[in-house]
Amino acid sequence: MKAVITGKDFGGWTWGFMATTRDPASVAVDKVRYLHEAVAAVAATDEDIAEEACELIKVDYEELPAVFDAEEAMKEGAPVIHDYRPNNVSVEYHWSFGDVEKAFAESYLVREDRFETGGSSRAFSNLPPHSPTTTLPATSPSGRQNKAPISITATWQAASSCPSARSG
């Protein structure tokens, strides 16, 4: 085994697509917020050694109140996921483009309904083959391909202080 890291090893470093959403830790620190959230990472010379090292990691969990619906999570008295986001809203955007009322008036059909989409997973990606640190699987544990390999690579480089492959 080469190394084991926990969330505290990242020194408070957080990631996110934009500055306003840059708040989750790469590895949980003090509080696990969702099923399968990482609590440690292991680097080893082969998979068997890595699996053996993972089996030696012990974590004490305290069950916390849960919330499973976004609208319920925003209600008064809902369990708070992050202490600094008391209403459980990470970021809020209000966008409109053009004259919406005119577009409705000129439309052949206007359908008013509630539409929901599933979340997307950024998952893991392969780091460049010339990366001196580590190689991660090309798919997430769920088997989904990554949709953003460049930003994930940049995230891992920033978190680990690994220089960019393009920096020289």
Protein backbone atom coordinates (compact mmCIF):
# COMPACT_ATOMS: atom_id res chain seq x y z
CA MET A 1 0.00 0.00 0.00
CA LYS A 2 1.28 3.46 -0.89
CA ALA A 3 -1.09 5.90 0.87
CA VAL A 4 -4.42 6.43 2.61
CA ILE A 5 -6.05 9.85 2.71
CA THR A 6 -9.15 11.21 4.41
CA GLY A 7 -11.07 14.44 3.94
CA LYS A 8 -8.89 16.24 6.48
CA ASP A 9 -5.86 15.62 4.23
CA PHE A 10 -7.37 18.04 1.67
CA GLY A 11 -6.94 20.95 4.08
CA GLY A 12 -10.43 22.35 3.54
CA TRP A 13 -10.19 22.22 -0.26
CA THR A 14 -13.60 21.99 -1.90
CA TRP A 15 -14.74 21.54 -5.47
CA GLY A 16 -17.62 22.59 -7.67
CA PHE A 17 -18.48 23.69 -11.17
CA MET A 18 -18.64 27.38 -10.27
CA ALA A 19 -17.47 29.43 -7.30
CA THR A 20 -21.03 29.63 -5.97
CA THR A 21 -21.30 25.84 -5.86
CA ARG A 22 -17.74 25.10 -4.77
CA ASP A 23 -18.62 23.65 -1.39
CA PRO A 24 -18.52 19.85 -1.28
CA ALA A 25 -15.36 18.23 0.04
CA SER A 26 -13.75 15.61 -2.18
CA VAL A 27 -13.80 13.17 0.73
CA ALA A 28 -16.18 13.57 3.67
CA VAL A 29 -14.92 15.52 6.68
CA ASP A 30 -16.70 14.89 10.01
CA LYS A 31 -20.12 14.26 8.39
CA VAL A 32 -21.23 11.85 5.67
CA ARG A 33 -24.16 13.37 3.81
CA TYR A 34 -25.24 10.69 1.37
CA LEU A 35 -25.02 6.98 0.68
CA HIS A 36 -21.63 5.95 -0.73
CA GLU A 37 -19.96 9.30 0.02
CA ALA A 38 -16.22 8.69 0.14
CA VAL A 39 -14.64 8.67 3.61
CA ALA A 40 -11.11 7.70 2.54
CA ALA A 41 -9.05 6.96 -0.54
CA VAL A 42 -6.39 4.28 -0.86
CA ALA A 43 -3.45 4.14 -3.27
CA ALA A 44 -1.82 0.75 -3.71
CA THR A 45 0.35 -1.13 -6.16
CA ASP A 46 -2.43 -3.56 -7.04
CA GLU A 47 -6.15 -4.07 -6.55
CA ASP A 48 -5.83 -6.87 -3.99
CA ILE A 49 -3.68 -4.72 -1.70
CA ALA A 50 -6.06 -1.78 -2.13
CA GLU A 51 -9.07 -3.92 -1.23
CA GLU A 52 -7.28 -5.32 1.83
CA ALA A 53 -6.39 -1.79 2.96
CA CYS A 54 -10.00 -0.66 2.49
CA GLU A 55 -11.22 -3.50 4.69
CA LEU A 56 -8.97 -2.21 7.51
CA ILE A 57 -10.56 1.25 7.48
CA LYS A 58 -13.00 1.60 10.37
CA VAL A 59 -15.63 4.35 10.47
CA ASP A 60 -18.12 5.11 13.25
CA TYR A 61 -21.39 6.39 11.83
CA GLU A 62 -24.14 8.22 13.68
CA GLU A 63 -27.45 8.05 11.85
CA LEU A 64 -28.69 11.54 11.00
CA PRO A 65 -32.18 12.66 10.03
CA ALA A 66 -32.58 12.39 6.28
CA VAL A 67 -34.43 14.22 3.55
CA PHE A 68 -35.16 12.68 0.15
CA ASP A 69 -37.15 15.34 -1.70
CA ALA A 70 -35.83 18.73 -2.83
CA GLU A 71 -39.01 20.60 -1.96
CA GLU A 72 -39.19 18.95 1.47
CA ALA A 73 -35.52 19.84 2.04
CA MET A 74 -36.26 23.55 1.61
CA LYS A 75 -39.11 23.62 4.13
CA GLU A 76 -38.75 25.12 7.58
CA GLY A 77 -37.54 22.49 10.05
CA ALA A 78 -36.06 20.15 7.41
CA PRO A 79 -32.77 18.45 8.29
CA VAL A 80 -29.91 20.78 7.34
CA ILE A 81 -27.36 19.15 5.02
CA HIS A 82 -24.67 21.87 5.28
CA ASP A 83 -24.65 24.15 8.34
CA TYR A 84 -23.85 27.22 6.21
CA ARG A 85 -26.88 26.56 3.94
CA PRO A 86 -29.77 26.63 6.44
CA ASN A 87 -32.43 26.35 3.72
CA ASN A 88 -30.53 23.58 1.87
CA VAL A 89 -30.27 25.71 -1.27
CA SER A 90 -26.75 25.70 -2.68
CA VAL A 91 -27.35 28.22 -5.45
CA GLU A 92 -30.40 29.73 -7.10
CA TYR A 93 -30.65 31.06 -10.66
CA HIS A 94 -33.47 32.96 -12.31
CA TRP A 95 -33.03 33.14 -16.07
CA SER A 96 -35.23 34.53 -18.78
CA PHE A 97 -34.39 35.19 -22.40
CA GLY A 98 -36.32 37.43 -24.73
CA ASP A 99 -39.96 38.39 -24.37
CA VAL A 100 -41.47 35.34 -22.65
CA GLU A 101 -45.05 36.64 -22.64
CA LYS A 102 -44.87 37.45 -26.37
CA ALA A 103 -43.49 33.99 -27.10
CA PHE A 104 -46.36 32.39 -25.17
CA ALA A 105 -48.90 34.55 -27.01
CA GLU A 106 -47.47 33.60 -30.41
CA SER A 107 -47.04 29.89 -29.66
CA TYR A 108 -49.19 27.26 -31.33
CA LEU A 109 -49.27 25.28 -28.09
CA VAL A 110 -48.32 26.19 -24.54
CA ARG A 111 -48.11 23.33 -22.11
CA GLU A 112 -47.99 24.11 -18.43
CA ASP A 113 -46.91 21.19 -16.30
CA ARG A 114 -44.32 20.10 -13.81
CA PHE A 115 -41.20 18.60 -15.35
CA GLU A 116 -38.52 16.78 -13.42
CA THR A 117 -35.20 15.38 -14.57
CA GLY A 118 -32.83 13.03 -12.83
CA GLY A 119 -29.47 14.16 -11.61
CA SER A 120 -26.33 13.57 -13.59
CA SER A 121 -23.15 12.04 -12.27
CA ARG A 122 -19.78 13.61 -12.97
CA ALA A 123 -18.24 10.36 -11.78
CA PHE A 124 -14.54 9.64 -12.15
CA SER A 125 -12.38 9.81 -15.24
CA ASN A 126 -8.99 8.61 -16.33
CA LEU A 127 -6.24 11.06 -15.62
CA PRO A 128 -3.81 11.59 -18.49
CA PRO A 129 -1.51 8.59 -19.00
CA HIS A 130 1.49 10.79 -18.20
CA SER A 131 0.05 11.81 -14.82
CA PRO A 132 2.54 10.90 -12.09
CA THR A 133 -0.07 10.47 -9.37
CA THR A 134 -2.83 7.99 -10.03
CA THR A 135 -5.22 6.53 -12.55
CA LEU A 136 -8.92 6.38 -11.80
CA PRO A 137 -11.51 4.19 -13.54
CA ALA A 138 -13.14 5.61 -16.69
CA THR A 139 -16.55 4.96 -15.22
CA SER A 140 -18.17 5.70 -11.92
CA PRO A 141 -19.03 2.86 -9.53
CA SER A 142 -22.45 2.83 -11.21
CA GLY A 143 -20.76 2.10 -14.54
CA ARG A 144 -21.65 5.44 -16.16
CA GLN A 145 -19.12 7.12 -18.41
CA ASN A 146 -17.89 10.51 -17.31
CA LYS A 147 -19.28 13.54 -19.14
CA ALA A 148 -16.61 16.00 -18.02
CA PRO A 149 -13.15 14.41 -18.05
CA ILE A 150 -11.22 17.66 -18.40
CA SER A 151 -12.84 19.38 -15.41
CA ILE A 152 -12.49 16.23 -13.30
CA THR A 153 -8.80 16.01 -14.19
CA ALA A 154 -8.36 19.68 -13.26
CA THR A 155 -10.19 19.05 -9.99
CA TRP A 156 -7.90 16.16 -9.04
CA GLN A 157 -4.84 18.18 -10.02
CA ALA A 158 -5.94 21.09 -7.84
CA ALA A 159 -6.87 18.86 -4.91
CA SER A 160 -3.62 16.95 -4.99
CA SER A 161 -1.34 19.86 -5.98
CA CYS A 162 -0.42 17.86 -9.08
CA PRO A 163 0.86 20.14 -11.87
CA SER A 164 -1.17 20.30 -15.04
CA ALA A 165 0.02 18.08 -17.86
CA ARG A 166 0.04 21.24 -20.01
CA SER A 167 2.11 23.32 -17.61
CA GLY A 168 5.36 22.19 -18.98
